[in-house]
Amino acid sequence: MSFQHKELAAGRWYQLSFVEQMANIGSEVERSLNWRAKNNEDYCRRAFERALELIDLTLQDNRNTSRFKKIARLREVIVDFFSGQNQFASTEASFRKYFSCFTYAARINH
């Protein structure tokens, strides 16, 4: 598998707290939303794929086994929004609100 986030995939991801991991996922989702708003489908797709990569790394983190269902559901909702039929009726605002909490928490913890 070829990783976009090579340094994170090499082990650095597992040194981050769950909140930091979620904030980083949120950054990629945010980028994807921003590129989508600018009608740049290529960059939108690339950011979306990077977000999925980070979600998959989070799912592989043994510290997150109790959160596995929630993280897997998040992956499902993001895939549905960006490449599905948006069956969950997600909105840009809902993603921004959800991830902003993690971003805020990660910032105040450093």
PDB file of N, CA and C in Angstrom:
ATOM      1  N   MET A   1       0.838  -1.180   0.000  1.00  0.00           N
ATOM      2  CA  MET A   1       0.000   0.000   0.000  1.00  0.00           C
ATOM      3  C   MET A   1       0.886   1.247   0.000  1.00  0.00           C
ATOM      4  N   SER A   2       0.505   2.211  -0.787  1.00  0.00           N
ATOM      5  CA  SER A   2       1.246   3.467  -0.872  1.00  0.00           C
ATOM      6  C   SER A   2       0.547   4.522  -0.013  1.00  0.00           C
ATOM      7  N   PHE A   3       1.278   5.085   0.929  1.00  0.00           N
ATOM      8  CA  PHE A   3       0.708   6.057   1.848  1.00  0.00           C
ATOM      9  C   PHE A   3       1.039   7.481   1.421  1.00  0.00           C
ATOM     10  N   GLN A   4       0.068   8.365   1.560  1.00  0.00           N
ATOM     11  CA  GLN A   4       0.308   9.788   1.366  1.00  0.00           C
ATOM     12  C   GLN A   4       1.033  10.354   2.585  1.00  0.00           C
ATOM     13  N   HIS A   5       0.613   9.908   3.760  1.00  0.00           N
ATOM     14  CA  HIS A   5       1.202  10.343   5.027  1.00  0.00           C
ATOM     15  C   HIS A   5       2.247   9.310   5.457  1.00  0.00           C
ATOM     16  N   LYS A   6       3.360   9.276   4.745  1.00  0.00           N
ATOM     17  CA  LYS A   6       4.367   8.230   4.964  1.00  0.00           C
ATOM     18  C   LYS A   6       4.947   8.246   6.382  1.00  0.00           C
ATOM     19  N   GLU A   7       5.243   9.424   6.891  1.00  0.00           N
ATOM     20  CA  GLU A   7       5.819   9.543   8.235  1.00  0.00           C
ATOM     21  C   GLU A   7       4.823   9.083   9.300  1.00  0.00           C
ATOM     22  N   LEU A   8       3.579   9.461   9.121  1.00  0.00           N
ATOM     23  CA  LEU A   8       2.552   9.041  10.082  1.00  0.00           C
ATOM     24  C   LEU A   8       2.321   7.533  10.009  1.00  0.00           C
ATOM     25  N   ALA A   9       2.275   7.006   8.794  1.00  0.00           N
ATOM     26  CA  ALA A   9       2.049   5.570   8.619  1.00  0.00           C
ATOM     27  C   ALA A   9       3.213   4.745   9.151  1.00  0.00           C
ATOM     28  N   ALA A  10       4.397   5.338   9.192  1.00  0.00           N
ATOM     29  CA  ALA A  10       5.585   4.629   9.680  1.00  0.00           C
ATOM     30  C   ALA A  10       5.608   4.501  11.202  1.00  0.00           C
ATOM     31  N   GLY A  11       4.622   5.045  11.884  1.00  0.00           N
ATOM     32  CA  GLY A  11       4.550   4.874  13.329  1.00  0.00           C
ATOM     33  C   GLY A  11       4.245   6.136  14.110  1.00  0.00           C
ATOM     34  N   ARG A  12       4.487   7.278  13.516  1.00  0.00           N
ATOM     35  CA  ARG A  12       4.256   8.527  14.251  1.00  0.00           C
ATOM     36  C   ARG A  12       2.778   8.720  14.604  1.00  0.00           C
ATOM     37  N   TRP A  13       1.892   8.184  13.775  1.00  0.00           N
ATOM     38  CA  TRP A  13       0.452   8.317  14.022  1.00  0.00           C
ATOM     39  C   TRP A  13       0.070   7.755  15.391  1.00  0.00           C
ATOM     40  N   TYR A  14       0.735   6.674  15.765  1.00  0.00           N
ATOM     41  CA  TYR A  14       0.402   5.981  17.007  1.00  0.00           C
ATOM     42  C   TYR A  14       0.972   6.673  18.239  1.00  0.00           C
ATOM     43  N   GLN A  15       1.736   7.727  18.023  1.00  0.00           N
ATOM     44  CA  GLN A  15       2.228   8.536  19.133  1.00  0.00           C
ATOM     45  C   GLN A  15       1.273   9.674  19.453  1.00  0.00           C
ATOM     46  N   LEU A  16       0.339   9.936  18.542  1.00  0.00           N
ATOM     47  CA  LEU A  16      -0.636  11.009  18.749  1.00  0.00           C
ATOM     48  C   LEU A  16      -1.784  10.509  19.610  1.00  0.00           C
ATOM     49  N   SER A  17      -2.367  11.403  20.373  1.00  0.00           N
ATOM     50  CA  SER A  17      -3.554  11.042  21.154  1.00  0.00           C
ATOM     51  C   SER A  17      -4.734  10.874  20.198  1.00  0.00           C
ATOM     52  N   PHE A  18      -5.795  10.273  20.680  1.00  0.00           N
ATOM     53  CA  PHE A  18      -6.996  10.108  19.864  1.00  0.00           C
ATOM     54  C   PHE A  18      -7.528  11.457  19.398  1.00  0.00           C
ATOM     55  N   VAL A  19      -7.524  12.434  20.280  1.00  0.00           N
ATOM     56  CA  VAL A  19      -8.013  13.777  19.934  1.00  0.00           C
ATOM     57  C   VAL A  19      -7.161  14.367  18.806  1.00  0.00           C
ATOM     58  N   GLU A  20      -5.851  14.195  18.882  1.00  0.00           N
ATOM     59  CA  GLU A  20      -4.967  14.701  17.832  1.00  0.00           C
ATOM     60  C   GLU A  20      -5.196  13.963  16.513  1.00  0.00           C
ATOM     61  N   GLN A  21      -5.410  12.669  16.602  1.00  0.00           N
ATOM     62  CA  GLN A  21      -5.706  11.895  15.403  1.00  0.00           C
ATOM     63  C   GLN A  21      -6.984  12.412  14.736  1.00  0.00           C
ATOM     64  N   MET A  22      -8.017  12.621  15.527  1.00  0.00           N
ATOM     65  CA  MET A  22      -9.287  13.101  14.983  1.00  0.00           C
ATOM     66  C   MET A  22      -9.158  14.515  14.420  1.00  0.00           C
ATOM     67  N   ALA A  23      -8.368  15.346  15.056  1.00  0.00           N
ATOM     68  CA  ALA A  23      -8.150  16.711  14.551  1.00  0.00           C
ATOM     69  C   ALA A  23      -7.444  16.664  13.195  1.00  0.00           C
ATOM     70  N   ASN A  24      -6.500  15.756  13.043  1.00  0.00           N
ATOM     71  CA  ASN A  24      -5.805  15.617  11.762  1.00  0.00           C
ATOM     72  C   ASN A  24      -6.739  15.086  10.678  1.00  0.00           C
ATOM     73  N   ILE A  25      -7.582  14.140  11.025  1.00  0.00           N
ATOM     74  CA  ILE A  25      -8.585  13.657  10.073  1.00  0.00           C
ATOM     75  C   ILE A  25      -9.486  14.818   9.669  1.00  0.00           C
ATOM     76  N   GLY A  26      -9.891  15.594  10.656  1.00  0.00           N
ATOM     77  CA  GLY A  26     -10.744  16.752  10.395  1.00  0.00           C
ATOM     78  C   GLY A  26     -10.094  17.746   9.459  1.00  0.00           C
ATOM     79  N   SER A  27      -8.790  17.926   9.562  1.00  0.00           N
ATOM     80  CA  SER A  27      -8.074  18.839   8.667  1.00  0.00           C
ATOM     81  C   SER A  27      -8.185  18.385   7.217  1.00  0.00           C
ATOM     82  N   GLU A  28      -8.060  17.091   7.003  1.00  0.00           N
ATOM     83  CA  GLU A  28      -8.179  16.574   5.630  1.00  0.00           C
ATOM     84  C   GLU A  28      -9.616  16.670   5.126  1.00  0.00           C
ATOM     85  N   VAL A  29     -10.576  16.395   5.992  1.00  0.00           N
ATOM     86  CA  VAL A  29     -11.979  16.531   5.599  1.00  0.00           C
ATOM     87  C   VAL A  29     -12.274  17.991   5.266  1.00  0.00           C
ATOM     88  N   GLU A  30     -11.766  18.884   6.077  1.00  0.00           N
ATOM     89  CA  GLU A  30     -11.933  20.331   5.855  1.00  0.00           C
ATOM     90  C   GLU A  30     -11.334  20.734   4.505  1.00  0.00           C
ATOM     91  N   ARG A  31     -10.150  20.231   4.199  1.00  0.00           N
ATOM     92  CA  ARG A  31      -9.523  20.526   2.906  1.00  0.00           C
ATOM     93  C   ARG A  31     -10.399  20.019   1.763  1.00  0.00           C
ATOM     94  N   SER A  32     -10.909  18.829   1.943  1.00  0.00           N
ATOM     95  CA  SER A  32     -11.762  18.255   0.909  1.00  0.00           C
ATOM     96  C   SER A  32     -13.018  19.093   0.690  1.00  0.00           C
ATOM     97  N   LEU A  33     -13.623  19.541   1.776  1.00  0.00           N
ATOM     98  CA  LEU A  33     -14.802  20.403   1.673  1.00  0.00           C
ATOM     99  C   LEU A  33     -14.464  21.713   0.973  1.00  0.00           C
ATOM    100  N   ASN A  34     -13.317  22.286   1.322  1.00  0.00           N
ATOM    101  CA  ASN A  34     -12.904  23.549   0.713  1.00  0.00           C
ATOM    102  C   ASN A  34     -12.658  23.401  -0.790  1.00  0.00           C
ATOM    103  N   TRP A  35     -11.988  22.316  -1.198  1.00  0.00           N
ATOM    104  CA  TRP A  35     -11.745  22.093  -2.623  1.00  0.00           C
ATOM    105  C   TRP A  35     -13.045  21.798  -3.361  1.00  0.00           C
ATOM    106  N   ARG A  36     -13.933  21.120  -2.696  1.00  0.00           N
ATOM    107  CA  ARG A  36     -15.235  20.838  -3.314  1.00  0.00           C
ATOM    108  C   ARG A  36     -15.989  22.137  -3.574  1.00  0.00           C
ATOM    109  N   ALA A  37     -15.936  23.055  -2.625  1.00  0.00           N
ATOM    110  CA  ALA A  37     -16.603  24.351  -2.780  1.00  0.00           C
ATOM    111  C   ALA A  37     -15.994  25.158  -3.928  1.00  0.00           C
ATOM    112  N   LYS A  38     -14.712  24.902  -4.211  1.00  0.00           N
ATOM    113  CA  LYS A  38     -14.027  25.600  -5.309  1.00  0.00           C
ATOM    114  C   LYS A  38     -14.143  24.833  -6.630  1.00  0.00           C
ATOM    115  N   ASN A  39     -14.950  23.765  -6.611  1.00  0.00           N
ATOM    116  CA  ASN A  39     -15.171  22.923  -7.799  1.00  0.00           C
ATOM    117  C   ASN A  39     -13.895  22.295  -8.339  1.00  0.00           C
ATOM    118  N   ASN A  40     -12.954  21.997  -7.462  1.00  0.00           N
ATOM    119  CA  ASN A  40     -11.727  21.317  -7.854  1.00  0.00           C
ATOM    120  C   ASN A  40     -11.849  19.854  -7.397  1.00  0.00           C
ATOM    121  N   GLU A  41     -12.452  19.051  -8.256  1.00  0.00           N
ATOM    122  CA  GLU A  41     -12.748  17.656  -7.899  1.00  0.00           C
ATOM    123  C   GLU A  41     -11.487  16.825  -7.662  1.00  0.00           C
ATOM    124  N   ASP A  42     -10.413  17.113  -8.389  1.00  0.00           N
ATOM    125  CA  ASP A  42      -9.178  16.351  -8.220  1.00  0.00           C
ATOM    126  C   ASP A  42      -8.594  16.562  -6.828  1.00  0.00           C
ATOM    127  N   TYR A  43      -8.444  17.807  -6.422  1.00  0.00           N
ATOM    128  CA  TYR A  43      -7.903  18.098  -5.091  1.00  0.00           C
ATOM    129  C   TYR A  43      -8.858  17.650  -3.989  1.00  0.00           C
ATOM    130  N   CYS A  44     -10.145  17.760  -4.247  1.00  0.00           N
ATOM    131  CA  CYS A  44     -11.156  17.292  -3.289  1.00  0.00           C
ATOM    132  C   CYS A  44     -10.986  15.792  -3.061  1.00  0.00           C
ATOM    133  N   ARG A  45     -10.859  15.037  -4.146  1.00  0.00           N
ATOM    134  CA  ARG A  45     -10.701  13.588  -4.055  1.00  0.00           C
ATOM    135  C   ARG A  45      -9.412  13.216  -3.332  1.00  0.00           C
ATOM    136  N   ARG A  46      -8.338  13.946  -3.631  1.00  0.00           N
ATOM    137  CA  ARG A  46      -7.059  13.651  -2.973  1.00  0.00           C
ATOM    138  C   ARG A  46      -7.136  13.869  -1.462  1.00  0.00           C
ATOM    139  N   ALA A  47      -7.747  14.965  -1.042  1.00  0.00           N
ATOM    140  CA  ALA A  47      -7.892  15.229   0.397  1.00  0.00           C
ATOM    141  C   ALA A  47      -8.811  14.189   1.032  1.00  0.00           C
ATOM    142  N   PHE A  48      -9.856  13.806   0.327  1.00  0.00           N
ATOM    143  CA  PHE A  48     -10.774  12.762   0.793  1.00  0.00           C
ATOM    144  C   PHE A  48     -10.023  11.450   0.992  1.00  0.00           C
ATOM    145  N   GLU A  49      -9.184  11.088   0.047  1.00  0.00           N
ATOM    146  CA  GLU A  49      -8.403   9.854   0.162  1.00  0.00           C
ATOM    147  C   GLU A  49      -7.415   9.924   1.324  1.00  0.00           C
ATOM    148  N   ARG A  50      -6.828  11.090   1.538  1.00  0.00           N
ATOM    149  CA  ARG A  50      -5.919  11.245   2.694  1.00  0.00           C
ATOM    150  C   ARG A  50      -6.687  11.111   4.004  1.00  0.00           C
ATOM    151  N   ALA A  51      -7.905  11.645   4.050  1.00  0.00           N
ATOM    152  CA  ALA A  51      -8.739  11.506   5.253  1.00  0.00           C
ATOM    153  C   ALA A  51      -9.031  10.031   5.517  1.00  0.00           C
ATOM    154  N   LEU A  52      -9.365   9.292   4.465  1.00  0.00           N
ATOM    155  CA  LEU A  52      -9.629   7.854   4.628  1.00  0.00           C
ATOM    156  C   LEU A  52      -8.384   7.123   5.124  1.00  0.00           C
ATOM    157  N   GLU A  53      -7.231   7.509   4.597  1.00  0.00           N
ATOM    158  CA  GLU A  53      -5.987   6.891   5.038  1.00  0.00           C
ATOM    159  C   GLU A  53      -5.776   7.101   6.542  1.00  0.00           C
ATOM    160  N   LEU A  54      -6.026   8.313   7.009  1.00  0.00           N
ATOM    161  CA  LEU A  54      -5.865   8.600   8.434  1.00  0.00           C
ATOM    162  C   LEU A  54      -6.910   7.874   9.275  1.00  0.00           C
ATOM    163  N   ILE A  55      -8.114   7.773   8.772  1.00  0.00           N
ATOM    164  CA  ILE A  55      -9.145   7.011   9.493  1.00  0.00           C
ATOM    165  C   ILE A  55      -8.718   5.553   9.599  1.00  0.00           C
ATOM    166  N   ASP A  56      -8.204   5.002   8.515  1.00  0.00           N
ATOM    167  CA  ASP A  56      -7.754   3.609   8.545  1.00  0.00           C
ATOM    168  C   ASP A  56      -6.606   3.403   9.535  1.00  0.00           C
ATOM    169  N   LEU A  57      -5.685   4.357   9.604  1.00  0.00           N
ATOM    170  CA  LEU A  57      -4.609   4.270  10.597  1.00  0.00           C
ATOM    171  C   LEU A  57      -5.188   4.328  12.017  1.00  0.00           C
ATOM    172  N   THR A  58      -6.196   5.152  12.206  1.00  0.00           N
ATOM    173  CA  THR A  58      -6.846   5.263  13.520  1.00  0.00           C
ATOM    174  C   THR A  58      -7.536   3.959  13.885  1.00  0.00           C
ATOM    175  N   LEU A  59      -8.157   3.327  12.907  1.00  0.00           N
ATOM    176  CA  LEU A  59      -8.811   2.037  13.157  1.00  0.00           C
ATOM    177  C   LEU A  59      -7.792   0.957  13.523  1.00  0.00           C
ATOM    178  N   GLN A  60      -6.584   1.074  13.011  1.00  0.00           N
ATOM    179  CA  GLN A  60      -5.536   0.092  13.303  1.00  0.00           C
ATOM    180  C   GLN A  60      -4.850   0.325  14.648  1.00  0.00           C
ATOM    181  N   ASP A  61      -5.069   1.487  15.234  1.00  0.00           N
ATOM    182  CA  ASP A  61      -4.439   1.828  16.514  1.00  0.00           C
ATOM    183  C   ASP A  61      -5.114   1.036  17.629  1.00  0.00           C
ATOM    184  N   ASN A  62      -4.362   0.170  18.278  1.00  0.00           N
ATOM    185  CA  ASN A  62      -4.905  -0.697  19.330  1.00  0.00           C
ATOM    186  C   ASN A  62      -5.507   0.077  20.503  1.00  0.00           C
ATOM    187  N   ARG A  63      -5.097   1.312  20.681  1.00  0.00           N
ATOM    188  CA  ARG A  63      -5.643   2.115  21.781  1.00  0.00           C
ATOM    189  C   ARG A  63      -7.092   2.521  21.514  1.00  0.00           C
ATOM    190  N   ASN A  64      -7.529   2.369  20.274  1.00  0.00           N
ATOM    191  CA  ASN A  64      -8.870   2.819  19.902  1.00  0.00           C
ATOM    192  C   ASN A  64      -9.884   1.688  19.742  1.00  0.00           C
ATOM    193  N   THR A  65      -9.592   0.529  20.290  1.00  0.00           N
ATOM    194  CA  THR A  65     -10.507  -0.601  20.099  1.00  0.00           C
ATOM    195  C   THR A  65     -11.901  -0.325  20.666  1.00  0.00           C
ATOM    196  N   SER A  66     -11.986   0.412  21.749  1.00  0.00           N
ATOM    197  CA  SER A  66     -13.307   0.715  22.318  1.00  0.00           C
ATOM    198  C   SER A  66     -14.075   1.731  21.466  1.00  0.00           C
ATOM    199  N   ARG A  67     -13.374   2.408  20.574  1.00  0.00           N
ATOM    200  CA  ARG A  67     -14.003   3.421  19.707  1.00  0.00           C
ATOM    201  C   ARG A  67     -14.174   2.919  18.272  1.00  0.00           C
ATOM    202  N   PHE A  68     -13.864   1.660  18.052  1.00  0.00           N
ATOM    203  CA  PHE A  68     -13.834   1.118  16.703  1.00  0.00           C
ATOM    204  C   PHE A  68     -15.140   1.352  15.946  1.00  0.00           C
ATOM    205  N   LYS A  69     -16.263   1.068  16.566  1.00  0.00           N
ATOM    206  CA  LYS A  69     -17.558   1.220  15.882  1.00  0.00           C
ATOM    207  C   LYS A  69     -17.805   2.667  15.462  1.00  0.00           C
ATOM    208  N   LYS A  70     -17.487   3.593  16.346  1.00  0.00           N
ATOM    209  CA  LYS A  70     -17.708   5.006  16.036  1.00  0.00           C
ATOM    210  C   LYS A  70     -16.805   5.481  14.905  1.00  0.00           C
ATOM    211  N   ILE A  71     -15.555   5.053  14.932  1.00  0.00           N
ATOM    212  CA  ILE A  71     -14.613   5.451  13.891  1.00  0.00           C
ATOM    213  C   ILE A  71     -15.019   4.825  12.550  1.00  0.00           C
ATOM    214  N   ALA A  72     -15.415   3.566  12.591  1.00  0.00           N
ATOM    215  CA  ALA A  72     -15.861   2.894  11.365  1.00  0.00           C
ATOM    216  C   ALA A  72     -17.119   3.560  10.807  1.00  0.00           C
ATOM    217  N   ARG A  73     -18.012   3.976  11.670  1.00  0.00           N
ATOM    218  CA  ARG A  73     -19.220   4.684  11.217  1.00  0.00           C
ATOM    219  C   ARG A  73     -18.857   6.031  10.608  1.00  0.00           C
ATOM    220  N   LEU A  74     -17.904   6.718  11.215  1.00  0.00           N
ATOM    221  CA  LEU A  74     -17.436   7.988  10.663  1.00  0.00           C
ATOM    222  C   LEU A  74     -16.902   7.769   9.250  1.00  0.00           C
ATOM    223  N   ARG A  75     -16.129   6.714   9.064  1.00  0.00           N
ATOM    224  CA  ARG A  75     -15.594   6.400   7.735  1.00  0.00           C
ATOM    225  C   ARG A  75     -16.739   6.184   6.756  1.00  0.00           C
ATOM    226  N   GLU A  76     -17.734   5.429   7.176  1.00  0.00           N
ATOM    227  CA  GLU A  76     -18.886   5.142   6.327  1.00  0.00           C
ATOM    228  C   GLU A  76     -19.624   6.433   5.928  1.00  0.00           C
ATOM    229  N   VAL A  77     -19.801   7.325   6.879  1.00  0.00           N
ATOM    230  CA  VAL A  77     -20.513   8.581   6.625  1.00  0.00           C
ATOM    231  C   VAL A  77     -19.711   9.475   5.677  1.00  0.00           C
ATOM    232  N   ILE A  78     -18.409   9.526   5.864  1.00  0.00           N
ATOM    233  CA  ILE A  78     -17.568  10.351   4.994  1.00  0.00           C
ATOM    234  C   ILE A  78     -17.557   9.796   3.568  1.00  0.00           C
ATOM    235  N   VAL A  79     -17.434   8.493   3.431  1.00  0.00           N
ATOM    236  CA  VAL A  79     -17.472   7.882   2.097  1.00  0.00           C
ATOM    237  C   VAL A  79     -18.821   8.154   1.443  1.00  0.00           C
ATOM    238  N   ASP A  80     -19.890   8.005   2.193  1.00  0.00           N
ATOM    239  CA  ASP A  80     -21.232   8.253   1.669  1.00  0.00           C
ATOM    240  C   ASP A  80     -21.374   9.698   1.198  1.00  0.00           C
ATOM    241  N   PHE A  81     -20.826  10.637   1.946  1.00  0.00           N
ATOM    242  CA  PHE A  81     -20.951  12.056   1.600  1.00  0.00           C
ATOM    243  C   PHE A  81     -20.155  12.411   0.346  1.00  0.00           C
ATOM    244  N   PHE A  82     -18.893  11.954   0.281  1.00  0.00           N
ATOM    245  CA  PHE A  82     -18.021  12.363  -0.814  1.00  0.00           C
ATOM    246  C   PHE A  82     -18.141  11.500  -2.069  1.00  0.00           C
ATOM    247  N   SER A  83     -18.521  10.249  -1.927  1.00  0.00           N
ATOM    248  CA  SER A  83     -18.582   9.412  -3.130  1.00  0.00           C
ATOM    249  C   SER A  83     -19.836   8.544  -3.222  1.00  0.00           C
ATOM    250  N   GLY A  84     -20.738   8.721  -2.284  1.00  0.00           N
ATOM    251  CA  GLY A  84     -21.973   7.954  -2.313  1.00  0.00           C
ATOM    252  C   GLY A  84     -23.167   8.833  -2.635  1.00  0.00           C
ATOM    253  N   GLN A  85     -24.306   8.437  -2.116  1.00  0.00           N
ATOM    254  CA  GLN A  85     -25.544   9.165  -2.366  1.00  0.00           C
ATOM    255  C   GLN A  85     -25.963  10.042  -1.194  1.00  0.00           C
ATOM    256  N   ASN A  86     -25.103  10.157  -0.211  1.00  0.00           N
ATOM    257  CA  ASN A  86     -25.368  10.942   1.002  1.00  0.00           C
ATOM    258  C   ASN A  86     -26.661  10.478   1.676  1.00  0.00           C
ATOM    259  N   GLN A  87     -26.755   9.187   1.886  1.00  0.00           N
ATOM    260  CA  GLN A  87     -27.913   8.588   2.546  1.00  0.00           C
ATOM    261  C   GLN A  87     -28.080   9.059   3.981  1.00  0.00           C
ATOM    262  N   PHE A  88     -26.975   9.498   4.598  1.00  0.00           N
ATOM    263  CA  PHE A  88     -27.037   9.958   5.983  1.00  0.00           C
ATOM    264  C   PHE A  88     -27.388  11.440   6.078  1.00  0.00           C
ATOM    265  N   ALA A  89     -27.587  12.071   4.918  1.00  0.00           N
ATOM    266  CA  ALA A  89     -27.954  13.496   4.849  1.00  0.00           C
ATOM    267  C   ALA A  89     -26.943  14.379   5.579  1.00  0.00           C
ATOM    268  N   SER A  90     -25.667  14.058   5.413  1.00  0.00           N
ATOM    269  CA  SER A  90     -24.603  14.852   6.022  1.00  0.00           C
ATOM    270  C   SER A  90     -24.492  16.196   5.303  1.00  0.00           C
ATOM    271  N   THR A  91     -23.968  17.171   6.025  1.00  0.00           N
ATOM    272  CA  THR A  91     -23.759  18.488   5.440  1.00  0.00           C
ATOM    273  C   THR A  91     -22.334  18.934   5.729  1.00  0.00           C
ATOM    274  N   GLU A  92     -21.881  19.918   4.957  1.00  0.00           N
ATOM    275  CA  GLU A  92     -20.568  20.495   5.237  1.00  0.00           C
ATOM    276  C   GLU A  92     -20.537  21.032   6.662  1.00  0.00           C
ATOM    277  N   ALA A  93     -21.596  21.700   7.041  1.00  0.00           N
ATOM    278  CA  ALA A  93     -21.661  22.298   8.382  1.00  0.00           C
ATOM    279  C   ALA A  93     -21.563  21.224   9.471  1.00  0.00           C
ATOM    280  N   SER A  94     -22.191  20.078   9.251  1.00  0.00           N
ATOM    281  CA  SER A  94     -22.144  19.031  10.280  1.00  0.00           C
ATOM    282  C   SER A  94     -20.730  18.484  10.443  1.00  0.00           C
ATOM    283  N   PHE A  95     -20.003  18.331   9.333  1.00  0.00           N
ATOM    284  CA  PHE A  95     -18.610  17.872   9.432  1.00  0.00           C
ATOM    285  C   PHE A  95     -17.736  18.913  10.112  1.00  0.00           C
ATOM    286  N   ARG A  96     -17.915  20.160   9.726  1.00  0.00           N
ATOM    287  CA  ARG A  96     -17.100  21.232  10.321  1.00  0.00           C
ATOM    288  C   ARG A  96     -17.353  21.327  11.829  1.00  0.00           C
ATOM    289  N   LYS A  97     -18.602  21.227  12.230  1.00  0.00           N
ATOM    290  CA  LYS A  97     -18.947  21.294  13.656  1.00  0.00           C
ATOM    291  C   LYS A  97     -18.365  20.095  14.415  1.00  0.00           C
ATOM    292  N   TYR A  98     -18.508  18.904  13.856  1.00  0.00           N
ATOM    293  CA  TYR A  98     -18.021  17.690  14.499  1.00  0.00           C
ATOM    294  C   TYR A  98     -16.512  17.754  14.729  1.00  0.00           C
ATOM    295  N   PHE A  99     -15.769  18.102  13.690  1.00  0.00           N
ATOM    296  CA  PHE A  99     -14.312  18.090  13.808  1.00  0.00           C
ATOM    297  C   PHE A  99     -13.758  19.297  14.542  1.00  0.00           C
ATOM    298  N   SER A 100     -14.484  20.391  14.582  1.00  0.00           N
ATOM    299  CA  SER A 100     -13.977  21.588  15.273  1.00  0.00           C
ATOM    300  C   SER A 100     -13.755  21.314  16.759  1.00  0.00           C
ATOM    301  N   CYS A 101     -14.561  20.460  17.343  1.00  0.00           N
ATOM    302  CA  CYS A 101     -14.386  20.108  18.763  1.00  0.00           C
ATOM    303  C   CYS A 101     -13.038  19.437  18.999  1.00  0.00           C
ATOM    304  N   PHE A 102     -12.656  18.531  18.098  1.00  0.00           N
ATOM    305  CA  PHE A 102     -11.366  17.848  18.230  1.00  0.00           C
ATOM    306  C   PHE A 102     -10.209  18.813  18.005  1.00  0.00           C
ATOM    307  N   THR A 103     -10.369  19.688  17.027  1.00  0.00           N
ATOM    308  CA  THR A 103      -9.317  20.663  16.743  1.00  0.00           C
ATOM    309  C   THR A 103      -9.101  21.570  17.944  1.00  0.00           C
ATOM    310  N   TYR A 104     -10.185  22.030  18.518  1.00  0.00           N
ATOM    311  CA  TYR A 104     -10.104  22.911  19.692  1.00  0.00           C
ATOM    312  C   TYR A 104      -9.441  22.163  20.854  1.00  0.00           C
ATOM    313  N   ALA A 105      -9.884  20.950  21.125  1.00  0.00           N
ATOM    314  CA  ALA A 105      -9.335  20.171  22.232  1.00  0.00           C
ATOM    315  C   ALA A 105      -7.848  19.875  22.020  1.00  0.00           C
ATOM    316  N   ALA A 106      -7.457  19.571  20.796  1.00  0.00           N
ATOM    317  CA  ALA A 106      -6.047  19.283  20.516  1.00  0.00           C
ATOM    318  C   ALA A 106      -5.196  20.526  20.737  1.00  0.00           C
ATOM    319  N   ARG A 107      -5.711  21.682  20.388  1.00  0.00           N
ATOM    320  CA  ARG A 107      -4.953  22.926  20.560  1.00  0.00           C
ATOM    321  C   ARG A 107      -4.787  23.312  22.017  1.00  0.00           C
ATOM    322  N   ILE A 108      -5.826  23.126  22.811  1.00  0.00           N
ATOM    323  CA  ILE A 108      -5.709  23.541  24.214  1.00  0.00           C
ATOM    324  C   ILE A 108      -4.854  22.561  25.025  1.00  0.00           C
ATOM    325  N   ASN A 109      -4.672  21.369  24.518  1.00  0.00           N
ATOM    326  CA  ASN A 109      -3.844  20.371  25.209  1.00  0.00           C
ATOM    327  C   ASN A 109      -2.367  20.526  24.892  1.00  0.00           C
ATOM    328  N   HIS A 110      -2.011  21.475  24.034  1.00  0.00           N
ATOM    329  CA  HIS A 110      -0.593  21.695  23.703  1.00  0.00           C
ATOM    330  C   HIS A 110      -0.159  23.074  23.989  1.00  0.00           C
TER     331      HIS A 110
END
